[in-house]
Every structure is written in C-alpha cells, then in structure tokens.
Protein backbone atom coordinates (compact mmCIF):
# COMPACT_ATOMS: atom_id res chain seq x y z
CA MET A 1 9.26 -36.07 -174.16
CA ARG A 2 8.70 -32.31 -174.46
CA ARG A 3 5.41 -32.86 -176.29
CA LEU A 4 4.36 -35.46 -173.72
CA SER A 5 5.03 -33.05 -170.86
CA GLU A 6 2.94 -30.44 -172.67
CA VAL A 7 0.06 -32.92 -172.97
CA LEU A 8 0.42 -33.66 -169.24
CA TRP A 9 0.29 -29.94 -168.43
CA LEU A 10 -2.80 -29.43 -170.65
CA ALA A 11 -4.54 -32.46 -169.14
CA MET A 12 -3.82 -31.14 -165.66
CA ARG A 13 -5.11 -27.65 -166.50
CA ASP A 14 -8.27 -29.08 -168.05
CA TYR A 15 -8.76 -31.42 -165.06
CA ARG A 16 -8.47 -28.50 -162.65
CA HIS A 17 -10.69 -26.26 -164.78
CA GLU A 18 -13.52 -28.80 -164.67
CA TRP A 19 -13.04 -29.36 -160.95
CA VAL A 20 -16.69 -30.13 -160.27
CA MET A 21 -16.78 -33.02 -162.73
CA SER A 22 -13.30 -34.16 -161.69
CA GLY A 23 -14.34 -34.12 -158.03
CA CYS A 24 -17.37 -36.24 -158.84
CA PHE A 25 -15.12 -38.84 -160.51
CA VAL A 26 -12.81 -38.84 -157.47
CA LEU A 27 -15.69 -39.23 -155.00
CA ALA A 28 -17.22 -41.98 -157.13
CA LEU A 29 -13.96 -43.91 -157.02
CA ALA A 30 -13.55 -43.32 -153.26
CA ALA A 31 -17.14 -44.53 -152.73
CA VAL A 32 -16.20 -47.83 -154.40
CA LEU A 33 -12.68 -48.24 -153.00
CA ALA A 34 -13.18 -47.19 -149.35
CA PRO A 35 -15.77 -49.91 -148.48
CA MET A 36 -13.53 -52.53 -150.08
CA MET A 37 -10.58 -51.34 -148.00
CA VAL A 38 -12.74 -51.51 -144.86
CA LEU A 39 -13.91 -55.02 -145.80
CA PHE A 40 -10.34 -56.20 -146.37
CA GLY A 41 -9.20 -54.44 -143.19
CA LEU A 42 -11.82 -56.37 -141.20
CA LYS A 43 -10.69 -59.59 -142.83
CA VAL A 44 -7.03 -58.88 -142.01
CA GLY A 45 -7.81 -57.63 -138.51
CA ILE A 46 -10.21 -60.31 -137.30
CA VAL A 47 -8.89 -63.38 -139.12
CA GLY A 48 -5.31 -62.12 -138.90
CA SER A 49 -5.60 -61.78 -135.12
CA MET A 50 -6.99 -65.31 -134.89
CA ILE A 51 -4.13 -66.64 -137.01
CA ASP A 52 -1.59 -64.68 -134.94
CA ARG A 53 -2.99 -66.25 -131.78
CA LEU A 54 -2.88 -69.70 -133.36
CA VAL A 55 0.70 -69.23 -134.51
CA GLY A 56 1.87 -67.43 -131.39
CA ASP A 57 0.44 -69.87 -128.84
CA PRO A 58 2.62 -73.02 -128.81
CA ARG A 59 -0.21 -75.01 -127.23
CA ASN A 60 -1.92 -74.94 -130.62
CA ARG A 61 1.06 -76.83 -132.02
CA GLU A 62 0.95 -79.51 -129.33
CA ILE A 63 0.18 -83.13 -130.22
CA GLN A 64 -0.92 -85.15 -127.20
CA ALA A 65 -0.88 -88.93 -127.05
CA VAL A 66 -4.14 -90.59 -126.00
CA GLY A 67 -3.49 -93.49 -123.64
CA SER A 68 -0.14 -95.21 -123.13
CA GLY A 69 2.24 -96.76 -125.58
CA ARG A 70 5.81 -98.00 -125.81
CA PHE A 71 8.16 -95.48 -127.38
CA GLY A 72 11.84 -96.31 -127.48
CA PRO A 73 14.95 -94.22 -128.24
CA GLU A 74 14.80 -95.01 -131.96
CA TRP A 75 11.24 -93.67 -132.21
CA PHE A 76 12.26 -90.37 -130.63
CA GLU A 77 15.29 -90.09 -132.91
CA ASP A 78 13.07 -90.61 -135.96
CA MET A 79 10.63 -87.95 -134.77
CA ARG A 80 13.41 -85.42 -134.13
CA ALA A 81 14.63 -85.98 -137.67
CA ARG A 82 11.26 -85.03 -139.17
CA ARG A 83 11.07 -81.55 -140.68
CA GLU A 84 7.62 -80.90 -139.16
CA VAL A 85 8.76 -81.52 -135.56
CA ALA A 86 10.01 -78.60 -133.48
CA PHE A 87 10.25 -80.31 -130.08
CA VAL A 88 9.81 -83.81 -128.71
CA VAL A 89 10.75 -85.29 -125.35
CA PRO A 90 9.74 -88.55 -123.63
CA ARG A 91 7.12 -88.54 -120.91
CA THR A 92 7.31 -90.95 -117.96
CA ARG A 93 4.38 -92.62 -116.19
CA SER A 94 1.98 -90.18 -114.52
CA ILE A 95 2.47 -91.79 -111.10
CA ALA A 96 6.19 -91.03 -111.34
CA ALA A 97 5.60 -87.42 -112.34
CA LEU A 98 4.60 -86.12 -108.91
CA MET A 99 6.76 -84.72 -106.15
CA ASP A 100 6.09 -83.03 -102.84
CA MET A 101 7.84 -79.66 -102.64
CA GLN A 102 8.38 -77.24 -99.80
CA ALA A 103 10.23 -73.95 -99.67
CA GLU A 104 13.60 -74.16 -97.94
CA LYS A 105 12.38 -71.58 -95.41
CA GLY A 106 9.37 -73.76 -94.58
CA GLY A 107 5.70 -73.27 -95.21
CA ARG A 108 3.14 -75.47 -96.95
CA ILE A 109 3.96 -78.71 -98.70
CA LEU A 110 2.64 -78.82 -102.26
CA SER A 111 2.21 -81.82 -104.53
CA VAL A 112 3.61 -80.67 -107.87
CA GLU A 113 3.16 -82.21 -111.30
CA LEU A 114 6.48 -82.66 -113.11
CA ILE A 115 6.72 -81.89 -116.82
CA PRO A 116 9.73 -83.23 -118.76
CA THR A 117 11.58 -80.55 -120.68
CA ALA A 118 14.71 -79.98 -122.72
CA PRO A 119 16.46 -77.14 -124.58
CA GLY A 120 14.06 -75.53 -127.03
CA GLU A 121 11.03 -75.90 -124.75
CA PRO A 122 8.16 -74.15 -126.64
CA LEU A 123 6.09 -73.25 -123.58
CA LEU A 124 8.87 -71.41 -121.75
CA GLY A 125 9.86 -69.28 -124.73
CA GLU A 126 12.93 -67.13 -125.19
CA GLY A 127 14.64 -65.62 -122.19
CA MET A 128 13.62 -68.39 -119.80
CA PRO A 129 16.47 -70.70 -118.68
CA THR A 130 16.10 -74.41 -119.32
CA PRO A 131 16.62 -76.54 -116.20
CA GLY A 132 19.44 -79.06 -116.39
CA GLY A 133 20.98 -81.80 -114.29
CA LEU A 134 19.15 -83.37 -111.35
CA HIS A 135 18.61 -80.30 -109.17
CA GLN A 136 17.05 -77.55 -111.30
CA VAL A 137 13.38 -76.77 -111.96
CA VAL A 138 11.24 -74.06 -113.54
CA LEU A 139 8.02 -73.63 -111.56
CA SER A 140 4.62 -72.72 -112.93
CA ASP A 141 3.29 -69.39 -111.75
CA GLY A 142 0.64 -71.02 -109.54
CA ALA A 143 3.13 -73.34 -107.84
CA ALA A 144 5.59 -70.50 -107.23
CA ARG A 145 2.89 -68.35 -105.61
CA LYS A 146 1.65 -71.16 -103.36
CA LEU A 147 5.17 -72.09 -102.29
CA GLU A 148 6.09 -68.40 -101.95
CA VAL A 149 9.36 -68.77 -103.83
CA ALA A 150 11.02 -66.90 -106.70
CA ALA A 151 13.80 -67.57 -109.17
CA GLY A 152 17.12 -68.21 -107.42
CA GLU A 153 15.59 -69.71 -104.28
CA ARG A 154 15.74 -73.34 -103.20
CA LEU A 155 13.16 -76.03 -102.55
CA ASP A 156 13.09 -79.32 -100.68
CA GLY A 157 11.63 -82.04 -102.91
CA SER A 158 10.58 -85.36 -101.44
CA LEU A 159 8.95 -88.59 -102.58
CA ALA A 160 8.07 -91.86 -100.92
CA ARG A 161 7.92 -95.53 -101.86
CA THR A 162 7.31 -98.92 -100.29
CA PHE A 163 10.42 -101.09 -100.78
CA GLN A 164 10.84 -104.62 -99.41
CA GLY A 165 7.93 -104.14 -97.04
CA ARG A 166 9.03 -100.85 -95.54
CA SER A 167 8.14 -97.25 -96.31
CA GLU A 168 10.93 -94.97 -97.47
CA ARG A 169 11.09 -91.26 -98.18
CA VAL A 170 13.97 -89.42 -99.81
CA HIS A 171 14.68 -85.71 -100.09
CA LEU A 172 16.26 -83.72 -102.88
CA GLN A 173 17.47 -80.13 -102.88
CA LEU A 174 16.13 -78.24 -105.89
CA GLU A 175 17.03 -74.82 -107.31
CA VAL A 176 14.31 -72.68 -108.88
CA VAL A 177 15.96 -71.30 -112.03
CA GLY A 178 12.82 -69.61 -113.33
CA VAL A 179 9.08 -69.06 -112.96
CA ALA A 180 6.90 -69.53 -116.05
CA ARG A 181 4.27 -67.03 -117.18
CA PRO A 182 0.76 -67.65 -115.78
CA ALA A 183 -0.64 -68.74 -119.16
CA VAL A 184 2.05 -71.38 -119.72
CA PHE A 185 0.76 -74.03 -117.29
CA PRO A 186 -2.48 -73.48 -115.35
CA ARG A 187 -1.88 -76.21 -112.73
CA ASP A 188 0.73 -76.60 -109.99
CA GLY A 189 3.67 -77.85 -112.03
CA ALA A 190 7.41 -77.79 -112.52
CA PHE A 191 9.42 -78.19 -115.69
CA VAL A 192 12.28 -80.60 -114.96
CA PRO A 193 14.96 -82.39 -117.03
CA LEU A 194 14.14 -85.89 -118.26
CA ASP A 195 17.08 -87.26 -116.24
CA LEU A 196 15.41 -86.17 -113.01
CA LEU A 197 12.05 -87.68 -113.99
CA SER A 198 13.76 -90.94 -114.97
CA ALA A 199 15.55 -91.01 -111.61
CA LEU A 200 12.26 -90.53 -109.73
CA GLU A 201 10.65 -93.31 -111.75
CA GLU A 202 13.60 -95.63 -111.06
CA PHE A 203 13.30 -94.92 -107.34
CA ARG A 204 9.56 -95.61 -107.28
CA ASP A 205 10.15 -98.88 -109.14
CA GLY A 206 12.48 -99.98 -106.34
CA ARG A 207 15.69 -99.51 -108.27
CA ALA A 208 18.80 -97.78 -107.01
CA VAL A 209 19.74 -94.29 -108.19
CA PRO A 210 23.49 -93.99 -107.51
CA ALA A 211 23.69 -90.43 -108.85
CA LEU A 212 21.45 -89.29 -105.97
CA GLY A 213 22.59 -91.84 -103.38
CA TRP A 214 19.27 -93.65 -103.30
CA GLU A 215 19.49 -97.35 -102.59
CA GLY A 216 17.50 -100.13 -104.20
CA ASP A 217 17.77 -103.12 -106.53
CA ILE A 218 20.83 -103.08 -108.73
CA GLY A 219 20.91 -104.85 -112.05
CA GLU A 220 21.15 -104.30 -115.75
CA ASP A 221 18.75 -101.68 -117.01
CA PRO A 222 16.22 -103.07 -119.46
CA LEU A 223 15.76 -101.35 -122.81
CA ARG A 224 14.17 -98.10 -121.75
CA THR A 225 10.80 -97.27 -123.28
CA TYR A 226 8.40 -94.51 -122.38
CA PRO A 227 4.59 -94.57 -122.25
CA GLY A 228 4.13 -91.13 -123.78
CA PHE A 229 5.72 -88.03 -125.20
CA ARG A 230 5.48 -84.26 -125.42
CA LEU A 231 5.44 -83.29 -129.08
CA TYR A 232 5.13 -79.87 -130.77
CA ALA A 233 4.91 -79.23 -134.49
CA ARG A 234 7.12 -76.57 -136.09
CA THR A 235 4.10 -74.57 -137.29
CA VAL A 236 0.33 -74.87 -136.98
CA TYR A 237 0.29 -76.00 -140.60
CA ASP A 238 2.42 -79.05 -139.68
CA VAL A 239 -0.04 -80.31 -137.06
CA ALA A 240 -2.33 -82.18 -139.47
CA PRO A 241 0.52 -83.96 -141.35
CA LEU A 242 2.07 -85.08 -138.05
CA ARG A 243 -1.31 -86.26 -136.77
CA ASP A 244 -1.80 -88.33 -139.93
CA ALA A 245 1.74 -89.74 -139.73
CA LEU A 246 1.22 -90.83 -136.11
CA ALA A 247 -2.18 -92.31 -136.97
CA ALA A 248 -0.46 -94.40 -139.65
CA GLN A 249 1.80 -95.77 -136.89
CA GLY A 250 -1.25 -96.68 -134.82
CA VAL A 251 -0.66 -93.86 -132.32
CA GLU A 252 -3.88 -92.13 -131.31
CA VAL A 253 -3.37 -88.44 -130.62
CA ARG A 254 -5.36 -85.34 -129.74
CA THR A 255 -4.67 -82.00 -131.46
CA ARG A 256 -6.27 -78.64 -132.17
CA ALA A 257 -6.21 -79.30 -135.91
CA GLU A 258 -9.96 -78.67 -136.18
CA ASP A 259 -9.59 -75.15 -134.75
CA ILE A 260 -6.70 -74.50 -137.13
CA ASP A 261 -8.72 -75.77 -140.12
CA LEU A 262 -11.64 -73.55 -139.10
CA VAL A 263 -9.52 -70.40 -139.07
CA GLN A 264 -7.83 -71.32 -142.36
CA SER A 265 -11.22 -71.99 -143.93
CA MET A 266 -12.50 -68.59 -142.73
CA ASP A 267 -9.41 -66.95 -144.20
CA ARG A 268 -9.91 -68.61 -147.60
CA ASN A 269 -13.65 -67.90 -147.72
CA LEU A 270 -13.35 -64.26 -146.68
CA THR A 271 -10.53 -63.76 -149.17
CA ALA A 272 -12.71 -65.21 -151.95
CA VAL A 273 -15.64 -62.97 -150.96
CA PHE A 274 -13.41 -59.91 -150.87
CA TRP A 275 -11.92 -60.49 -154.32
CA LEU A 276 -15.37 -61.20 -155.76
CA VAL A 277 -16.70 -57.91 -154.40
CA ALA A 278 -13.51 -56.10 -155.44
CA ALA A 279 -13.69 -57.46 -158.99
CA VAL A 280 -17.33 -56.45 -159.42
CA GLY A 281 -16.74 -52.98 -157.95
CA LEU A 282 -13.56 -52.22 -159.89
CA VAL A 283 -14.88 -53.48 -163.23
CA GLY A 284 -18.06 -51.46 -162.73
CA PHE A 285 -16.08 -48.35 -161.88
CA ALA A 286 -13.67 -48.88 -164.79
CA LEU A 287 -16.58 -49.09 -167.24
CA SER A 288 -18.23 -46.04 -165.67
CA LEU A 289 -15.01 -44.02 -165.79
CA GLY A 290 -14.32 -45.24 -169.33
CA ALA A 291 -17.75 -44.10 -170.49
CA SER A 292 -17.18 -40.74 -168.79
CA LEU A 293 -13.80 -40.32 -170.49
CA TRP A 294 -15.35 -41.29 -173.81
CA ALA A 295 -18.01 -38.62 -173.30
CA ASN A 296 -15.33 -36.14 -172.23
CA VAL A 297 -13.39 -36.75 -175.43
CA GLU A 298 -16.59 -36.28 -177.40
CA ARG A 299 -17.13 -32.92 -175.69
CA LYS A 300 -13.57 -31.85 -176.43
CA ARG A 301 -13.37 -32.95 -180.06
CA ARG A 302 -12.82 -29.36 -181.20
CA GLU A 303 -10.02 -28.75 -178.66
CA LEU A 304 -8.32 -32.04 -179.47
CA SER A 305 -8.57 -31.39 -183.22
CA VAL A 306 -6.85 -28.03 -182.67
CA LEU A 307 -4.03 -29.84 -180.89
CA ARG A 308 -3.72 -32.09 -183.95
CA LEU A 309 -3.56 -29.03 -186.20
CA VAL A 310 -0.75 -27.40 -184.20
CA GLY A 311 1.42 -30.48 -184.57
CA PHE A 312 0.54 -32.98 -181.81
CA ARG A 313 0.62 -36.55 -183.07
CA THR A 314 -2.11 -39.13 -182.49
CA SER A 315 0.09 -41.09 -180.05
CA GLU A 316 0.48 -37.92 -177.96
CA ILE A 317 -3.22 -37.00 -178.02
CA VAL A 318 -4.07 -40.48 -176.71
CA TRP A 319 -2.25 -39.64 -173.48
CA PHE A 320 -4.72 -36.84 -172.69
CA PRO A 321 -7.49 -39.10 -171.27
CA VAL A 322 -4.85 -41.48 -169.87
CA PHE A 323 -3.34 -38.73 -167.70
CA GLN A 324 -6.78 -37.61 -166.53
CA ALA A 325 -7.69 -41.19 -165.59
CA GLY A 326 -4.44 -41.37 -163.61
CA PHE A 327 -5.31 -38.15 -161.73
CA THR A 328 -8.69 -39.63 -160.81
CA ALA A 329 -7.10 -42.90 -159.68
CA LEU A 330 -4.48 -41.28 -157.44
CA LEU A 331 -6.84 -38.72 -155.89
CA GLY A 332 -9.54 -41.36 -155.42
CA TRP A 333 -7.04 -43.70 -153.74
CA VAL A 334 -5.86 -40.94 -151.39
CA THR A 335 -9.46 -40.00 -150.52
CA ALA A 336 -10.43 -43.66 -149.94
CA SER A 337 -7.34 -44.20 -147.75
CA LEU A 338 -8.22 -41.20 -145.58
CA ILE A 339 -11.80 -42.45 -145.24
CA TYR A 340 -10.52 -45.91 -144.34
CA LEU A 341 -8.12 -44.58 -141.69
CA GLY A 342 -10.98 -42.74 -140.02
CA VAL A 343 -13.20 -45.83 -140.04
CA GLU A 344 -10.34 -48.06 -138.84
CA GLY A 345 -9.59 -45.84 -135.85
CA SER A 346 -13.25 -45.61 -134.89
CA MET A 347 -13.83 -49.37 -135.10
CA ASN A 348 -10.70 -50.27 -133.14
CA ARG A 349 -11.59 -47.79 -130.40
CA MET A 350 -15.16 -49.10 -130.33
CA PHE A 351 -14.04 -52.68 -129.66
CA ALA A 352 -10.89 -51.88 -127.66
CA ASP A 353 -12.36 -53.09 -124.36
CA ARG A 354 -13.27 -56.49 -125.87
CA LEU A 355 -9.88 -57.22 -127.41
CA GLU A 356 -6.66 -58.62 -126.02
CA ALA A 357 -3.73 -56.27 -125.57
CA GLY A 358 -2.51 -55.22 -129.00
CA GLY A 359 -5.51 -56.78 -130.76
CA VAL A 360 -7.43 -54.98 -133.51
CA VAL A 361 -10.59 -55.73 -135.49
CA CYS A 362 -9.57 -53.68 -138.54
CA ARG A 363 -6.05 -53.36 -139.90
CA LEU A 364 -4.23 -52.82 -143.17
CA LEU A 365 -0.47 -53.10 -143.69
CA SER A 366 1.59 -50.78 -145.88
CA GLU A 367 1.72 -53.38 -148.64
CA HIS A 368 -2.09 -53.50 -148.68
CA TYR A 369 -2.22 -49.76 -149.44
CA ALA A 370 0.29 -50.32 -152.24
CA VAL A 371 -1.83 -53.13 -153.69
CA ALA A 372 -4.93 -50.92 -153.51
CA ALA A 373 -3.09 -48.16 -155.38
CA ALA A 374 -1.85 -50.60 -158.04
CA VAL A 375 -5.30 -52.13 -158.57
CA THR A 376 -6.87 -48.66 -158.75
CA LEU A 377 -4.35 -47.52 -161.36
CA ALA A 378 -4.99 -50.73 -163.31
CA ALA A 379 -8.74 -50.02 -163.31
CA ALA A 380 -8.04 -46.45 -164.43
CA ALA A 381 -5.82 -47.78 -167.25
CA MET A 382 -8.69 -49.98 -168.42
CA ALA A 383 -10.97 -46.95 -168.43
CA ALA A 384 -8.39 -44.76 -170.18
CA ALA A 385 -8.13 -47.30 -173.00
CA LEU A 386 -11.68 -46.44 -174.09
CA GLY A 387 -11.11 -42.70 -173.94
CA GLY A 388 -7.71 -43.01 -175.61
CA TRP A 389 -9.12 -45.09 -178.44
CA ARG A 390 -11.79 -42.44 -179.09
CA ALA A 391 -9.23 -39.62 -178.91
CA ALA A 392 -7.07 -41.39 -181.49
CA ARG A 393 -9.99 -41.29 -183.95
CA VAL A 394 -10.44 -37.51 -183.77
CA GLU A 395 -9.46 -35.97 -187.10
CA PRO A 396 -8.24 -32.33 -187.31
CA SER A 397 -10.96 -31.39 -189.79
CA GLU A 398 -13.71 -33.14 -187.80
CA GLY A 399 -13.59 -30.75 -184.91
CA LEU A 400 -13.18 -27.66 -187.04
CA ARG A 401 -16.43 -28.33 -188.90
CA GLU A 402 -18.27 -27.55 -185.67
CA VAL A 403 -16.89 -24.03 -185.50
C-alpha cells in the first residue's frame, strides 16, 4: 500500500506538472459528456413531466363505459377484486342523476349533475371528506360559486315526478361537506353517495323511499342492476389491461390509453437515442484517451524505467496511467456537471412562462449524476487499460538506453 500511495503521489505530481495537456484531456471529456447530460436532462424533463401529469391526473386512469349495460352486484364485486382496479362504483341512469339545488339563504336555483362516489374517490384526492348518508354532498367549484355556498353550509335539493297522473315535488336538506378543486369537474356537479342516487332513482320510478319519507309504490325490490359505472385503474399502466378485459366481456369503453401509449413510446425511443449517442461518444472518448495515455507512456519510458530500477514492481507501475485516467474522469465529470447546471438553469428560465407551476424542460436527479460519474469512470478504466498494458511492457534497461 505504501508503494501504491507513492505511485499515486507521482501520478498526481506529473498530472499537475503537465497541466496544459491534462486540461485538454479534461475539456475534451467535458465536451463529450456535457451535451449528453443536457440531452438526457431534456428527456427526463420533457417526457418526465408528461409522465408525471399522466400519473398525477386521475382522469387519465378513468375507464368510461360507452352506452348502457346491465351490471349487477356480482360484477362490481369481481371488479373490486381485480389488482388493476383502484376504484369502482355503480352509476345510475342519467335522468336520475339531476337535482335542482338552491342555497338555504335563497338565490338562484341550479340544476346540478350528481356523480356517485364512495371512500377512495380518485378525483377528490386526499384531505377532501367523502360524503356519506343521504344528506351530504361535495360540490364542484363551478356549482359552489353559482350557488354562493361554501363547505359547512346547507342546500335545499328538490326533484319532481309525475305519479298516478299528478305532479309531485319533494325537497331534501343537504349539507355541503366540501368543495372540489376547479380542475376536478368542469360542469355544475355534486359528488353524492350511491345510496342517495339510488333513492332519487327509486322516487322517479314511482317507488316509495321510506328512509326519506317519500311515498310511492311498495313492493319487493327487483334484483338491482346499474346501466353504467365509474371505474379507475390503479396506475396508467393498468388502463390497457382493464380495457382489454372489459372488451372480452363485451363492454365497450373509452379510455386515454392512446395518449398513455404515445408518452411511453416517446420515453422508450428517446431513451434508445440517448444510449446510442452516449455509447458512441463514450467509446470514442475512451479510445482517444487510451491513445493519449499510450503516447504519454511512450514519452515517459525513461522515467518509468527509472521507477523500475529503484524497486517499483510492474503491477505498481501499471497504476500510473490508471490514476491519471481517473483524474481526467473525475475532473471532466465535475466540469461537465457545472456546464450542465448552467444550461439547465438557462433553459428552464427561458421556458418558465410556458410551463405549468413546478414544470421544467430540463432536469437531472441526483442518481443521474451518479450514473454519469460511474459511466465516465468506466470509460476512463477502458482507456487506462491500454496505457497500463504499455507501461507493463517497459523494461528498466529499455529506457536507460535513451540516456
């Protein structure tokens, strides 16, 4: 170890002494590595932002039924048991999913679309309460603004029907337990429990709803089926398998699978292009650095032979070009990283006004810097192998003949 540390010290002194040539090697490496880091940063920034939006927006995981069907309790139980499903809830007929609402203090009457919900609602997200029972709702932002109500206030909900030749209208007191973010639902809507939607549908069908005191026909309930559903996959990567599984059942659905496939395809293609460019650049630099180290060993044959004469073994002399290749790799990586950081900041500031909040066009994570350092050191090791092999062939007498 003492001899190895001496070789390291000599390699460092020689590297510093020939600072002009060493600096050229470092700049040559930075000139190869920095553009590759910028290219990969653009790939991570642009495609990564698109993937983040895909993953972060639950609407991209939604699977919508086209038309009406007949979905019973067993179908919903089977869907909930699937690993790919994050959320599923029955949807009633569209005609039964409307209610007139008015603030308790008066004001305009608004026809509101009712959306069935349950615990785990993807659109509401964390921190938003889930309505329960027959008297709680979460309003969309547009509906809350038009009704001029906020969370904690009350609404008067009403709906009408024609039963046994006469028109009837019933009223229901509702509590606003939350207001959804504007992007969640663009229309005038309210997230309500399935029990409330089922009660409204029963009333419109002329049936009695004892839980709310609404009169109507009384009889045995038929086996309840629903014409539709609200279904969300666990991840964007589960959308296509669920779509195919539903298609096999004869259920026609609409998804954003094509948008997801497009982004994934861009990610794969840009990754392939990057690694192709990286491989060509790094192999070219490794050969160039290896040839330079070979030439450097040739120039220092006399000095290396003297080291052999004073007792350094061949295995120790081999480390001389290896250490110098390592110096070049580390300094080149640091220089390239500094160049990249400057370019990254400039590009992100240039496009800041065209990006969403927190969005970037160029970004590298800490692990990407580590990978760049590892790949650079690997390329330097390839180059050092040539110089080391030539150094191992230097004989003590060979250099002394040139004196």
